[in-house]
Amino acid sequence: MEKTIIKNSIAASAVISITPGYFHNNEADLDLTAFGTLYQETAEAVFMKTKMYCGAIIAPCKTVYRVQWGCPRGGENGVNITANCNPSYAPERSADEYIRLWKDAFLSIVEILMIKLEQLTVTVAFSDGDLVYLKNE
């Protein structure tokens, strides 16, 4: 087993609701496969422009905030997108350059998804840390 430890990489997460606006009752059905397809198509379009691909893990989630602010009782249906930046995919670039370009690509994907899903706000978080990349040869 090959183990590569990448110091000072980043992870990203974004939560995107699937029903536009506020004060709704989760009218949009969450079809995770359809969202995954939308993510793949969007990530591919960004890759064609930037040569940076951001693979991700997607999972259904609930965003919960005050009902008075427009949240349906029990929470708003959405998708949690998580991704890890792995600079070892491009050894010809410095890790810092790769991380910067990857971060920009991830933000571009989220911005496009936000527009396609007619969302007014999306929260994106980046966190620094080590990445351990395991490869079974």
Protein backbone atom coordinates (compact mmCIF):
# COMPACT_ATOMS: atom_id res chain seq x y z
CA MET A 1 0.00 0.00 0.00
CA GLU A 2 1.39 3.37 -1.02
CA LYS A 3 0.67 6.22 1.38
CA THR A 4 1.23 9.84 0.38
CA ILE A 5 0.86 12.53 3.02
CA ILE A 6 0.21 15.96 1.58
CA LYS A 7 0.78 18.74 4.07
CA ASN A 8 -1.33 21.88 3.99
CA SER A 9 -3.95 20.81 1.48
CA ILE A 10 -7.56 22.02 1.63
CA ALA A 11 -11.00 20.51 1.84
CA ALA A 12 -14.16 22.23 0.69
CA SER A 13 -17.83 21.92 1.48
CA ALA A 14 -20.93 23.63 0.17
CA VAL A 15 -24.59 23.16 0.97
CA ILE A 16 -27.05 23.92 -1.81
CA SER A 17 -30.80 23.78 -1.35
CA ILE A 18 -32.85 22.42 -4.21
CA THR A 19 -36.08 24.42 -3.90
CA PRO A 20 -35.69 28.07 -4.97
CA GLY A 21 -36.45 30.88 -2.55
CA TYR A 22 -37.82 30.96 0.95
CA PHE A 23 -41.21 30.27 2.54
CA HIS A 24 -41.79 27.04 0.60
CA ASN A 25 -42.63 23.48 1.58
CA ASN A 26 -39.75 21.63 -0.16
CA GLU A 27 -41.71 21.31 -3.40
CA ALA A 28 -38.66 20.18 -5.38
CA ASP A 29 -37.95 16.47 -5.05
CA LEU A 30 -34.38 15.58 -4.17
CA ASP A 31 -33.11 13.21 -6.84
CA LEU A 32 -29.51 12.58 -5.84
CA THR A 33 -28.66 10.89 -9.15
CA ALA A 34 -29.99 13.86 -11.11
CA PHE A 35 -28.01 16.23 -8.88
CA GLY A 36 -24.91 14.07 -9.35
CA THR A 37 -25.35 14.29 -13.11
CA LEU A 38 -25.77 18.07 -12.89
CA TYR A 39 -22.61 18.28 -10.76
CA GLN A 40 -20.63 16.11 -13.24
CA GLU A 41 -21.75 18.19 -16.22
CA THR A 42 -20.91 21.42 -14.41
CA ALA A 43 -17.52 20.15 -13.19
CA GLU A 44 -16.72 18.98 -16.72
CA ALA A 45 -17.59 22.40 -18.18
CA VAL A 46 -15.32 24.06 -15.61
CA PHE A 47 -12.59 21.51 -16.38
CA MET A 48 -12.77 22.32 -20.10
CA LYS A 49 -12.04 25.97 -19.27
CA THR A 50 -9.56 25.56 -16.41
CA LYS A 51 -8.07 22.04 -16.73
CA MET A 52 -8.95 21.58 -13.04
CA TYR A 53 -11.45 18.87 -12.09
CA CYS A 54 -13.05 18.82 -8.65
CA GLY A 55 -14.45 15.41 -7.86
CA ALA A 56 -16.87 15.46 -4.93
CA ILE A 57 -18.99 13.50 -2.54
CA ILE A 58 -22.66 14.48 -2.52
CA ALA A 59 -25.11 13.63 0.20
CA PRO A 60 -28.68 14.69 0.95
CA CYS A 61 -29.03 17.08 3.87
CA LYS A 62 -31.36 19.44 5.68
CA THR A 63 -30.54 23.10 6.26
CA VAL A 64 -32.32 24.31 9.37
CA TYR A 65 -32.87 27.96 10.24
CA ARG A 66 -35.69 30.06 11.68
CA VAL A 67 -39.16 29.41 10.28
CA GLN A 68 -39.72 33.18 10.46
CA TRP A 69 -36.90 33.61 7.93
CA GLY A 70 -38.51 31.22 5.46
CA CYS A 71 -37.31 27.76 6.51
CA PRO A 72 -39.89 24.99 6.15
CA ARG A 73 -40.66 23.13 9.38
CA GLY A 74 -38.13 20.32 9.75
CA GLY A 75 -35.59 21.98 7.47
CA GLU A 76 -34.94 22.73 3.83
CA ASN A 77 -33.93 19.87 1.53
CA GLY A 78 -30.52 20.23 -0.01
CA VAL A 79 -27.27 18.61 -1.00
CA ASN A 80 -24.00 18.72 0.93
CA ILE A 81 -21.04 18.75 -1.45
CA THR A 82 -17.64 17.87 -0.01
CA ALA A 83 -14.34 17.67 -1.84
CA ASN A 84 -10.64 17.30 -1.10
CA CYS A 85 -7.86 18.95 -3.06
CA ASN A 86 -5.11 16.48 -4.01
CA PRO A 87 -2.08 18.27 -5.49
CA SER A 88 -0.42 14.92 -6.26
CA TYR A 89 -2.68 14.74 -9.35
CA ALA A 90 -0.51 17.43 -10.98
CA PRO A 91 3.12 16.98 -9.90
CA GLU A 92 4.22 19.46 -12.58
CA ARG A 93 2.63 22.29 -10.57
CA SER A 94 3.60 23.58 -7.17
CA ALA A 95 1.19 22.54 -4.42
CA ASP A 96 0.34 26.18 -3.70
CA GLU A 97 -0.52 26.87 -7.35
CA TYR A 98 -2.59 23.68 -7.64
CA ILE A 99 -4.53 24.48 -4.44
CA ARG A 100 -5.27 28.02 -5.63
CA LEU A 101 -6.50 26.83 -9.03
CA TRP A 102 -8.51 23.98 -7.48
CA LYS A 103 -10.18 26.37 -5.04
CA ASP A 104 -11.13 28.71 -7.89
CA ALA A 105 -12.54 25.78 -9.89
CA PHE A 106 -14.59 24.53 -6.93
CA LEU A 107 -16.05 28.01 -6.41
CA SER A 108 -16.90 28.23 -10.12
CA ILE A 109 -18.77 24.92 -9.94
CA VAL A 110 -20.75 26.04 -6.90
CA GLU A 111 -21.57 29.42 -8.47
CA ILE A 112 -22.90 27.73 -11.62
CA LEU A 113 -24.95 25.24 -9.58
CA MET A 114 -26.32 28.11 -7.52
CA ILE A 115 -27.57 29.85 -10.67
CA LYS A 116 -28.98 26.64 -12.20
CA LEU A 117 -30.85 25.82 -8.98
CA GLU A 118 -32.03 29.45 -8.56
CA GLN A 119 -30.54 29.85 -5.11
CA LEU A 120 -30.12 33.26 -3.48
CA THR A 121 -27.40 32.18 -1.02
CA VAL A 122 -24.93 29.32 -0.66
CA THR A 123 -22.33 28.82 2.02
CA VAL A 124 -18.92 27.48 0.98
CA ALA A 125 -16.30 26.54 3.56
CA PHE A 126 -12.63 25.77 3.02
CA SER A 127 -10.48 24.16 5.69
CA ASP A 128 -6.75 23.59 5.77
CA GLY A 129 -5.23 20.30 6.80
CA ASP A 130 -3.21 17.30 5.81
CA LEU A 131 -4.47 14.91 3.16
CA VAL A 132 -3.52 11.24 3.25
CA TYR A 133 -3.82 9.62 -0.16
CA LEU A 134 -3.85 5.82 -0.07
CA LYS A 135 -3.18 3.86 -3.22
CA ASN A 136 -3.41 0.09 -3.41
CA GLU A 137 -1.04 -1.08 -6.12
